[in-house]
Full PDB file with SEQRES, HELIX, SHEET, SSBOND, CRYST1, ORIGX, SCALE, CONECT and MASTER records, all heavy atoms in Angstrom:
SEQRES   1 A   38  TYR PRO ALA PRO GLY VAL THR ALA GLY GLU LEU ALA GLU          
SEQRES   2 A   38  ALA ALA ARG LEU SER SER LEU ALA ASP GLY THR PRO GLU          
SEQRES   3 A   38  GLY ARG SER ILE VAL GLU LEU CYS ALA ARG ASP PHE              
HELIX    1 AA1 ALA A    8  SER A   19  1                                  12    
HELIX    2 AA2 PRO A   25  ASP A   37  1                                  13    
CRYST1    1.000    1.000    1.000  90.00  90.00  90.00 P 1           1          
ORIGX1      1.000000  0.000000  0.000000        0.00000                         
ORIGX2      0.000000  1.000000  0.000000        0.00000                         
ORIGX3      0.000000  0.000000  1.000000        0.00000                         
SCALE1      1.000000  0.000000  0.000000        0.00000                         
SCALE2      0.000000  1.000000  0.000000        0.00000                         
SCALE3      0.000000  0.000000  1.000000        0.00000                         
ATOM      1  N   TYR A   1      -0.580  -3.847   8.439  1.00  0.00           N  
ATOM      2  CA  TYR A   1      -1.024  -4.954   9.291  1.00  0.00           C  
ATOM      3  C   TYR A   1      -1.971  -5.849   8.480  1.00  0.00           C  
ATOM      4  O   TYR A   1      -3.158  -5.538   8.347  1.00  0.00           O  
ATOM      5  CB  TYR A   1      -1.740  -4.430  10.530  1.00  0.00           C  
ATOM      6  CG  TYR A   1      -0.865  -3.621  11.452  1.00  0.00           C  
ATOM      7  CD1 TYR A   1      -0.705  -2.256  11.253  1.00  0.00           C  
ATOM      8  CD2 TYR A   1      -0.203  -4.228  12.517  1.00  0.00           C  
ATOM      9  CE1 TYR A   1       0.085  -1.504  12.095  1.00  0.00           C  
ATOM     10  CE2 TYR A   1       0.600  -3.484  13.373  1.00  0.00           C  
ATOM     11  CZ  TYR A   1       0.736  -2.125  13.152  1.00  0.00           C  
ATOM     12  OH  TYR A   1       1.534  -1.377  13.992  1.00  0.00           O  
ATOM     13  N   PRO A   2      -1.475  -6.965   7.903  1.00  0.00           N  
ATOM     14  CA  PRO A   2      -2.351  -7.845   7.102  1.00  0.00           C  
ATOM     15  C   PRO A   2      -3.432  -8.498   7.963  1.00  0.00           C  
ATOM     16  O   PRO A   2      -3.219  -8.796   9.144  1.00  0.00           O  
ATOM     17  CB  PRO A   2      -1.378  -8.894   6.548  1.00  0.00           C  
ATOM     18  CG  PRO A   2      -0.018  -8.294   6.700  1.00  0.00           C  
ATOM     19  CD  PRO A   2      -0.087  -7.429   7.909  1.00  0.00           C  
ATOM     20  N   ALA A   3      -4.590  -8.733   7.368  1.00  0.00           N  
ATOM     21  CA  ALA A   3      -5.662  -9.458   8.043  1.00  0.00           C  
ATOM     22  C   ALA A   3      -5.313 -10.945   8.082  1.00  0.00           C  
ATOM     23  O   ALA A   3      -4.457 -11.420   7.317  1.00  0.00           O  
ATOM     24  CB  ALA A   3      -6.986  -9.234   7.308  1.00  0.00           C  
ATOM     25  N   PRO A   4      -5.920 -11.706   8.968  1.00  0.00           N  
ATOM     26  CA  PRO A   4      -5.651 -13.157   9.010  1.00  0.00           C  
ATOM     27  C   PRO A   4      -5.870 -13.807   7.649  1.00  0.00           C  
ATOM     28  O   PRO A   4      -6.876 -13.561   6.976  1.00  0.00           O  
ATOM     29  CB  PRO A   4      -6.674 -13.665  10.043  1.00  0.00           C  
ATOM     30  CG  PRO A   4      -6.933 -12.481  10.935  1.00  0.00           C  
ATOM     31  CD  PRO A   4      -6.874 -11.290  10.021  1.00  0.00           C  
ATOM     32  N   GLY A   5      -4.888 -14.604   7.233  1.00  0.00           N  
ATOM     33  CA  GLY A   5      -4.992 -15.304   5.960  1.00  0.00           C  
ATOM     34  C   GLY A   5      -4.527 -14.501   4.774  1.00  0.00           C  
ATOM     35  O   GLY A   5      -4.615 -14.981   3.633  1.00  0.00           O  
ATOM     36  N   VAL A   6      -4.057 -13.285   4.984  1.00  0.00           N  
ATOM     37  CA  VAL A   6      -3.587 -12.420   3.894  1.00  0.00           C  
ATOM     38  C   VAL A   6      -2.093 -12.196   4.064  1.00  0.00           C  
ATOM     39  O   VAL A   6      -1.606 -11.950   5.175  1.00  0.00           O  
ATOM     40  CB  VAL A   6      -4.331 -11.063   3.903  1.00  0.00           C  
ATOM     41  CG1 VAL A   6      -3.820 -10.158   2.783  1.00  0.00           C  
ATOM     42  CG2 VAL A   6      -5.835 -11.279   3.784  1.00  0.00           C  
ATOM     43  N   THR A   7      -1.335 -12.291   2.969  1.00  0.00           N  
ATOM     44  CA  THR A   7       0.106 -12.062   3.050  1.00  0.00           C  
ATOM     45  C   THR A   7       0.408 -10.569   3.029  1.00  0.00           C  
ATOM     46  O   THR A   7      -0.398  -9.744   2.561  1.00  0.00           O  
ATOM     47  CB  THR A   7       0.825 -12.732   1.874  1.00  0.00           C  
ATOM     48  OG1 THR A   7       0.437 -12.073   0.649  1.00  0.00           O  
ATOM     49  CG2 THR A   7       0.488 -14.220   1.792  1.00  0.00           C  
ATOM     50  N   ALA A   8       1.591 -10.229   3.536  1.00  0.00           N  
ATOM     51  CA  ALA A   8       2.008  -8.830   3.554  1.00  0.00           C  
ATOM     52  C   ALA A   8       2.131  -8.290   2.133  1.00  0.00           C  
ATOM     53  O   ALA A   8       1.789  -7.131   1.851  1.00  0.00           O  
ATOM     54  CB  ALA A   8       3.334  -8.690   4.298  1.00  0.00           C  
ATOM     55  N   GLY A   9       2.620  -9.141   1.219  1.00  0.00           N  
ATOM     56  CA  GLY A   9       2.767  -8.699  -0.160  1.00  0.00           C  
ATOM     57  C   GLY A   9       1.433  -8.402  -0.811  1.00  0.00           C  
ATOM     58  O   GLY A   9       1.290  -7.447  -1.578  1.00  0.00           O  
ATOM     59  N   GLU A  10       0.437  -9.232  -0.524  1.00  0.00           N  
ATOM     60  CA  GLU A  10      -0.890  -9.015  -1.105  1.00  0.00           C  
ATOM     61  C   GLU A  10      -1.485  -7.702  -0.593  1.00  0.00           C  
ATOM     62  O   GLU A  10      -2.083  -6.933  -1.357  1.00  0.00           O  
ATOM     63  CB  GLU A  10      -1.800 -10.188  -0.750  1.00  0.00           C  
ATOM     64  CG  GLU A  10      -3.175 -10.127  -1.422  1.00  0.00           C  
ATOM     65  CD  GLU A  10      -4.063 -11.303  -1.044  1.00  0.00           C  
ATOM     66  OE1 GLU A  10      -3.597 -12.175  -0.262  1.00  0.00           O  
ATOM     67  OE2 GLU A  10      -5.213 -11.363  -1.522  1.00  0.00           O  
ATOM     68  N   LEU A  11      -1.318  -7.442   0.718  1.00  0.00           N  
ATOM     69  CA  LEU A  11      -1.827  -6.193   1.284  1.00  0.00           C  
ATOM     70  C   LEU A  11      -1.091  -4.994   0.685  1.00  0.00           C  
ATOM     71  O   LEU A  11      -1.718  -3.980   0.334  1.00  0.00           O  
ATOM     72  CB  LEU A  11      -1.666  -6.202   2.808  1.00  0.00           C  
ATOM     73  CG  LEU A  11      -1.991  -4.887   3.523  1.00  0.00           C  
ATOM     74  CD1 LEU A  11      -3.430  -4.459   3.269  1.00  0.00           C  
ATOM     75  CD2 LEU A  11      -1.720  -5.019   5.030  1.00  0.00           C  
ATOM     76  N   ALA A  12       0.230  -5.105   0.546  1.00  0.00           N  
ATOM     77  CA  ALA A  12       1.006  -3.999   0.000  1.00  0.00           C  
ATOM     78  C   ALA A  12       0.591  -3.689  -1.439  1.00  0.00           C  
ATOM     79  O   ALA A  12       0.470  -2.523  -1.836  1.00  0.00           O  
ATOM     80  CB  ALA A  12       2.500  -4.327   0.063  1.00  0.00           C  
ATOM     81  N   GLU A  13       0.354  -4.741  -2.243  1.00  0.00           N  
ATOM     82  CA  GLU A  13      -0.049  -4.528  -3.633  1.00  0.00           C  
ATOM     83  C   GLU A  13      -1.397  -3.807  -3.710  1.00  0.00           C  
ATOM     84  O   GLU A  13      -1.576  -2.858  -4.477  1.00  0.00           O  
ATOM     85  CB  GLU A  13      -0.130  -5.874  -4.352  1.00  0.00           C  
ATOM     86  CG  GLU A  13      -0.543  -5.750  -5.820  1.00  0.00           C  
ATOM     87  CD  GLU A  13      -0.713  -7.113  -6.475  1.00  0.00           C  
ATOM     88  OE1 GLU A  13      -0.587  -8.131  -5.765  1.00  0.00           O  
ATOM     89  OE2 GLU A  13      -0.996  -7.145  -7.687  1.00  0.00           O  
ATOM     90  N   ALA A  14      -2.350  -4.257  -2.880  1.00  0.00           N  
ATOM     91  CA  ALA A  14      -3.676  -3.629  -2.894  1.00  0.00           C  
ATOM     92  C   ALA A  14      -3.606  -2.200  -2.352  1.00  0.00           C  
ATOM     93  O   ALA A  14      -4.284  -1.299  -2.866  1.00  0.00           O  
ATOM     94  CB  ALA A  14      -4.647  -4.454  -2.071  1.00  0.00           C  
ATOM     95  N   ALA A  15      -2.777  -1.984  -1.322  1.00  0.00           N  
ATOM     96  CA  ALA A  15      -2.641  -0.642  -0.750  1.00  0.00           C  
ATOM     97  C   ALA A  15      -2.067   0.321  -1.781  1.00  0.00           C  
ATOM     98  O   ALA A  15      -2.512   1.469  -1.910  1.00  0.00           O  
ATOM     99  CB  ALA A  15      -1.756  -0.694   0.489  1.00  0.00           C  
ATOM    100  N   ARG A  16      -1.088  -0.172  -2.555  1.00  0.00           N  
ATOM    101  CA  ARG A  16      -0.490   0.671  -3.590  1.00  0.00           C  
ATOM    102  C   ARG A  16      -1.499   1.017  -4.664  1.00  0.00           C  
ATOM    103  O   ARG A  16      -1.651   2.182  -5.046  1.00  0.00           O  
ATOM    104  CB  ARG A  16       0.708  -0.043  -4.201  1.00  0.00           C  
ATOM    105  CG  ARG A  16       1.241   0.616  -5.472  1.00  0.00           C  
ATOM    106  CD  ARG A  16       2.325  -0.218  -6.116  1.00  0.00           C  
ATOM    107  NE  ARG A  16       2.646   0.285  -7.438  1.00  0.00           N  
ATOM    108  CZ  ARG A  16       1.989  -0.054  -8.551  1.00  0.00           C  
ATOM    109  NH1 ARG A  16       0.964  -0.898  -8.490  1.00  0.00           N  
ATOM    110  NH2 ARG A  16       2.355   0.457  -9.719  1.00  0.00           N  
ATOM    111  N   LEU A  17      -2.224   0.002  -5.171  1.00  0.00           N  
ATOM    112  CA  LEU A  17      -3.181   0.240  -6.245  1.00  0.00           C  
ATOM    113  C   LEU A  17      -4.292   1.199  -5.795  1.00  0.00           C  
ATOM    114  O   LEU A  17      -4.707   2.079  -6.550  1.00  0.00           O  
ATOM    115  CB  LEU A  17      -3.792  -1.085  -6.702  1.00  0.00           C  
ATOM    116  CG  LEU A  17      -2.873  -2.018  -7.506  1.00  0.00           C  
ATOM    117  CD1 LEU A  17      -3.531  -3.367  -7.710  1.00  0.00           C  
ATOM    118  CD2 LEU A  17      -2.499  -1.379  -8.841  1.00  0.00           C  
ATOM    119  N   SER A  18      -4.743   1.046  -4.559  1.00  0.00           N  
ATOM    120  CA  SER A  18      -5.836   1.889  -4.080  1.00  0.00           C  
ATOM    121  C   SER A  18      -5.388   3.323  -3.816  1.00  0.00           C  
ATOM    122  O   SER A  18      -6.225   4.216  -3.677  1.00  0.00           O  
ATOM    123  CB  SER A  18      -6.424   1.298  -2.795  1.00  0.00           C  
ATOM    124  OG  SER A  18      -5.453   1.289  -1.766  1.00  0.00           O  
ATOM    125  N   SER A  19      -4.067   3.531  -3.745  1.00  0.00           N  
ATOM    126  CA  SER A  19      -3.551   4.866  -3.436  1.00  0.00           C  
ATOM    127  C   SER A  19      -3.029   5.609  -4.655  1.00  0.00           C  
ATOM    128  O   SER A  19      -2.686   6.788  -4.560  1.00  0.00           O  
ATOM    129  CB  SER A  19      -2.427   4.762  -2.385  1.00  0.00           C  
ATOM    130  OG  SER A  19      -2.892   4.165  -1.203  1.00  0.00           O  
ATOM    131  N   LEU A  20      -2.954   4.920  -5.793  1.00  0.00           N  
ATOM    132  CA  LEU A  20      -2.422   5.583  -6.986  1.00  0.00           C  
ATOM    133  C   LEU A  20      -3.264   6.788  -7.375  1.00  0.00           C  
ATOM    134  O   LEU A  20      -2.754   7.781  -7.908  1.00  0.00           O  
ATOM    135  CB  LEU A  20      -2.346   4.589  -8.147  1.00  0.00           C  
ATOM    136  CG  LEU A  20      -1.253   3.515  -8.054  1.00  0.00           C  
ATOM    137  CD1 LEU A  20      -1.381   2.519  -9.202  1.00  0.00           C  
ATOM    138  CD2 LEU A  20       0.135   4.159  -8.061  1.00  0.00           C  
ATOM    139  N   ALA A  21      -4.569   6.719  -7.108  1.00  0.00           N  
ATOM    140  CA  ALA A  21      -5.450   7.827  -7.480  1.00  0.00           C  
ATOM    141  C   ALA A  21      -5.654   8.810  -6.340  1.00  0.00           C  
ATOM    142  O   ALA A  21      -6.379   9.792  -6.492  1.00  0.00           O  
ATOM    143  CB  ALA A  21      -6.809   7.286  -7.921  1.00  0.00           C  
ATOM    144  N   ASP A  22      -5.034   8.529  -5.204  1.00  0.00           N  
ATOM    145  CA  ASP A  22      -5.184   9.391  -4.032  1.00  0.00           C  
ATOM    146  C   ASP A  22      -4.085  10.444  -4.062  1.00  0.00           C  
ATOM    147  O   ASP A  22      -2.924  10.168  -3.775  1.00  0.00           O  
ATOM    148  CB  ASP A  22      -5.103   8.542  -2.754  1.00  0.00           C  
ATOM    149  CG  ASP A  22      -5.380   9.355  -1.502  1.00  0.00           C  
ATOM    150  OD1 ASP A  22      -5.527  10.587  -1.616  1.00  0.00           O  
ATOM    151  OD2 ASP A  22      -5.440   8.760  -0.414  1.00  0.00           O  
ATOM    152  N   GLY A  23      -4.443  11.664  -4.408  1.00  0.00           N  
ATOM    153  CA  GLY A  23      -3.448  12.729  -4.519  1.00  0.00           C  
ATOM    154  C   GLY A  23      -3.102  13.404  -3.217  1.00  0.00           C  
ATOM    155  O   GLY A  23      -2.299  14.338  -3.192  1.00  0.00           O  
ATOM    156  N   THR A  24      -3.680  12.940  -2.113  1.00  0.00           N  
ATOM    157  CA  THR A  24      -3.356  13.543  -0.821  1.00  0.00           C  
ATOM    158  C   THR A  24      -1.949  13.138  -0.400  1.00  0.00           C  
ATOM    159  O   THR A  24      -1.409  12.111  -0.846  1.00  0.00           O  
ATOM    160  CB  THR A  24      -4.355  13.096   0.249  1.00  0.00           C  
ATOM    161  OG1 THR A  24      -4.220  11.682   0.446  1.00  0.00           O  
ATOM    162  CG2 THR A  24      -5.779  13.428  -0.155  1.00  0.00           C  
ATOM    163  N   PRO A  25      -1.307  13.914   0.490  1.00  0.00           N  
ATOM    164  CA  PRO A  25       0.027  13.528   0.969  1.00  0.00           C  
ATOM    165  C   PRO A  25       0.032  12.147   1.626  1.00  0.00           C  
ATOM    166  O   PRO A  25       0.994  11.399   1.484  1.00  0.00           O  
ATOM    167  CB  PRO A  25       0.360  14.627   1.977  1.00  0.00           C  
ATOM    168  CG  PRO A  25      -0.445  15.812   1.545  1.00  0.00           C  
ATOM    169  CD  PRO A  25      -1.714  15.240   0.998  1.00  0.00           C  
ATOM    170  N   GLU A  26      -1.050  11.803   2.322  1.00  0.00           N  
ATOM    171  CA  GLU A  26      -1.118  10.487   2.949  1.00  0.00           C  
ATOM    172  C   GLU A  26      -1.133   9.379   1.897  1.00  0.00           C  
ATOM    173  O   GLU A  26      -0.460   8.355   2.038  1.00  0.00           O  
ATOM    174  CB  GLU A  26      -2.370  10.392   3.831  1.00  0.00           C  
ATOM    175  CG  GLU A  26      -2.347  11.295   5.052  1.00  0.00           C  
ATOM    176  CD  GLU A  26      -2.776  12.713   4.734  1.00  0.00           C  
ATOM    177  OE1 GLU A  26      -3.106  12.999   3.550  1.00  0.00           O  
ATOM    178  OE2 GLU A  26      -2.771  13.558   5.655  1.00  0.00           O  
ATOM    179  N   GLY A  27      -1.918   9.601   0.817  1.00  0.00           N  
ATOM    180  CA  GLY A  27      -1.973   8.613  -0.257  1.00  0.00           C  
ATOM    181  C   GLY A  27      -0.621   8.421  -0.919  1.00  0.00           C  
ATOM    182  O   GLY A  27      -0.205   7.286  -1.204  1.00  0.00           O  
ATOM    183  N   ARG A  28       0.077   9.520  -1.146  1.00  0.00           N  
ATOM    184  CA  ARG A  28       1.410   9.411  -1.763  1.00  0.00           C  
ATOM    185  C   ARG A  28       2.386   8.676  -0.842  1.00  0.00           C  
ATOM    186  O   ARG A  28       3.253   7.937  -1.304  1.00  0.00           O  
ATOM    187  CB  ARG A  28       1.930  10.806  -2.093  1.00  0.00           C  
ATOM    188  CG  ARG A  28       1.167  11.496  -3.222  1.00  0.00           C  
ATOM    189  CD  ARG A  28       1.928  12.702  -3.750  1.00  0.00           C  
ATOM    190  NE  ARG A  28       2.058  13.748  -2.736  1.00  0.00           N  
ATOM    191  CZ  ARG A  28       1.182  14.729  -2.549  1.00  0.00           C  
ATOM    192  NH1 ARG A  28       0.101  14.784  -3.319  1.00  0.00           N  
ATOM    193  NH2 ARG A  28       1.364  15.643  -1.622  1.00  0.00           N  
ATOM    194  N   SER A  29       2.235   8.879   0.478  1.00  0.00           N  
ATOM    195  CA  SER A  29       3.164   8.218   1.403  1.00  0.00           C  
ATOM    196  C   SER A  29       2.946   6.709   1.416  1.00  0.00           C  
ATOM    197  O   SER A  29       3.887   5.945   1.641  1.00  0.00           O  
ATOM    198  CB  SER A  29       2.998   8.793   2.815  1.00  0.00           C  
ATOM    199  OG  SER A  29       1.813   8.333   3.434  1.00  0.00           O  
ATOM    200  N   ILE A  30       1.713   6.261   1.165  1.00  0.00           N  
ATOM    201  CA  ILE A  30       1.441   4.813   1.100  1.00  0.00           C  
ATOM    202  C   ILE A  30       2.155   4.205  -0.101  1.00  0.00           C  
ATOM    203  O   ILE A  30       2.783   3.140  -0.007  1.00  0.00           O  
ATOM    204  CB  ILE A  30      -0.076   4.555   1.032  1.00  0.00           C  
ATOM    205  CG1 ILE A  30      -0.745   5.001   2.334  1.00  0.00           C  
ATOM    206  CG2 ILE A  30      -0.358   3.077   0.760  1.00  0.00           C  
ATOM    207  CD1 ILE A  30      -2.263   4.976   2.281  1.00  0.00           C  
ATOM    208  N   VAL A  31       2.065   4.890  -1.237  1.00  0.00           N  
ATOM    209  CA  VAL A  31       2.762   4.408  -2.437  1.00  0.00           C  
ATOM    210  C   VAL A  31       4.266   4.355  -2.184  1.00  0.00           C  
ATOM    211  O   VAL A  31       4.949   3.395  -2.562  1.00  0.00           O  
ATOM    212  CB  VAL A  31       2.433   5.314  -3.639  1.00  0.00           C  
ATOM    213  CG1 VAL A  31       3.252   4.884  -4.863  1.00  0.00           C  
ATOM    214  CG2 VAL A  31       0.943   5.266  -3.958  1.00  0.00           C  
ATOM    215  N   GLU A  32       4.803   5.372  -1.515  1.00  0.00           N  
ATOM    216  CA  GLU A  32       6.242   5.400  -1.224  1.00  0.00           C  
ATOM    217  C   GLU A  32       6.641   4.270  -0.287  1.00  0.00           C  
ATOM    218  O   GLU A  32       7.700   3.647  -0.456  1.00  0.00           O  
ATOM    219  CB  GLU A  32       6.609   6.754  -0.600  1.00  0.00           C  
ATOM    220  CG  GLU A  32       6.483   7.925  -1.563  1.00  0.00           C  
ATOM    221  CD  GLU A  32       6.571   9.272  -0.854  1.00  0.00           C  
ATOM    222  OE1 GLU A  32       6.809   9.268   0.385  1.00  0.00           O  
ATOM    223  OE2 GLU A  32       6.398  10.304  -1.513  1.00  0.00           O  
ATOM    224  N   LEU A  33       5.795   3.986   0.711  1.00  0.00           N  
ATOM    225  CA  LEU A  33       6.088   2.889   1.642  1.00  0.00           C  
ATOM    226  C   LEU A  33       6.133   1.551   0.902  1.00  0.00           C  
ATOM    227  O   LEU A  33       7.045   0.735   1.109  1.00  0.00           O  
ATOM    228  CB  LEU A  33       5.026   2.852   2.741  1.00  0.00           C  
ATOM    229  CG  LEU A  33       5.072   1.657   3.706  1.00  0.00           C  
ATOM    230  CD1 LEU A  33       6.330   1.713   4.567  1.00  0.00           C  
ATOM    231  CD2 LEU A  33       3.840   1.616   4.583  1.00  0.00           C  
ATOM    232  N   CYS A  34       5.155   1.308   0.036  1.00  0.00           N  
ATOM    233  CA  CYS A  34       5.114   0.047  -0.714  1.00  0.00           C  
ATOM    234  C   CYS A  34       6.292  -0.064  -1.677  1.00  0.00           C  
ATOM    235  O   CYS A  34       6.830  -1.167  -1.900  1.00  0.00           O  
ATOM    236  CB  CYS A  34       3.795  -0.065  -1.476  1.00  0.00           C  
ATOM    237  SG  CYS A  34       2.333  -0.160  -0.400  1.00  0.00           S  
ATOM    238  N   ALA A  35       6.688   1.042  -2.250  1.00  0.00           N  
ATOM    239  CA  ALA A  35       7.834   1.018  -3.169  1.00  0.00           C  
ATOM    240  C   ALA A  35       9.125   0.741  -2.408  1.00  0.00           C  
ATOM    241  O   ALA A  35       9.983  -0.028  -2.861  1.00  0.00           O  
ATOM    242  CB  ALA A  35       7.920   2.351  -3.916  1.00  0.00           C  
ATOM    243  N   ARG A  36       9.265   1.365  -1.230  1.00  0.00           N  
ATOM    244  CA  ARG A  36      10.509   1.229  -0.473  1.00  0.00           C  
ATOM    245  C   ARG A  36      10.654  -0.143   0.176  1.00  0.00           C  
ATOM    246  O   ARG A  36      11.721  -0.759   0.134  1.00  0.00           O  
ATOM    247  CB  ARG A  36      10.563   2.324   0.592  1.00  0.00           C  
ATOM    248  CG  ARG A  36      11.873   2.326   1.397  1.00  0.00           C  
ATOM    249  CD  ARG A  36      11.893   3.455   2.418  1.00  0.00           C  
ATOM    250  NE  ARG A  36      10.897   3.244   3.469  1.00  0.00           N  
ATOM    251  CZ  ARG A  36       9.884   4.075   3.713  1.00  0.00           C  
ATOM    252  NH1 ARG A  36       9.725   5.149   2.964  1.00  0.00           N  
ATOM    253  NH2 ARG A  36       9.030   3.823   4.690  1.00  0.00           N  
ATOM    254  N   ASP A  37       9.579  -0.648   0.795  1.00  0.00           N  
ATOM    255  CA  ASP A  37       9.692  -1.877   1.578  1.00  0.00           C  
ATOM    256  C   ASP A  37       9.343  -3.148   0.806  1.00  0.00           C  
ATOM    257  O   ASP A  37       9.710  -4.245   1.223  1.00  0.00           O  
ATOM    258  CB  ASP A  37       8.787  -1.785   2.813  1.00  0.00           C  
ATOM    259  CG  ASP A  37       9.267  -0.738   3.809  1.00  0.00           C  
ATOM    260  OD1 ASP A  37      10.332  -0.141   3.574  1.00  0.00           O  
ATOM    261  OD2 ASP A  37       8.563  -0.502   4.818  1.00  0.00           O  
ATOM    262  N   PHE A  38       8.619  -3.001  -0.320  1.00  0.00           N  
ATOM    263  CA  PHE A  38       8.188  -4.191  -1.060  1.00  0.00           C  
ATOM    264  C   PHE A  38       8.630  -4.173  -2.521  1.00  0.00           C  
ATOM    265  O   PHE A  38       8.295  -5.079  -3.274  1.00  0.00           O  
ATOM    266  CB  PHE A  38       6.668  -4.335  -0.984  1.00  0.00           C  
ATOM    267  CG  PHE A  38       6.170  -4.569   0.420  1.00  0.00           C  
ATOM    268  CD1 PHE A  38       5.800  -3.505   1.214  1.00  0.00           C  
ATOM    269  CD2 PHE A  38       6.105  -5.851   0.944  1.00  0.00           C  
ATOM    270  CE1 PHE A  38       5.349  -3.706   2.508  1.00  0.00           C  
ATOM    271  CE2 PHE A  38       5.649  -6.065   2.237  1.00  0.00           C  
ATOM    272  CZ  PHE A  38       5.272  -4.991   3.036  1.00  0.00           C  
TER     273      PHE A  38                                                      
MASTER        0    0    0    2    0    0    0    6  272    1    0    3          
END                                                                             
């Protein structure tokens, strides 16, 4: 859910980068979502 004034692609890129170091299953699922949908 992008914030006002932010594109979906920009949010997806930041979400992916912030999750690369997150070794939890939730963190990995964020990377997978960004890879699959964007």
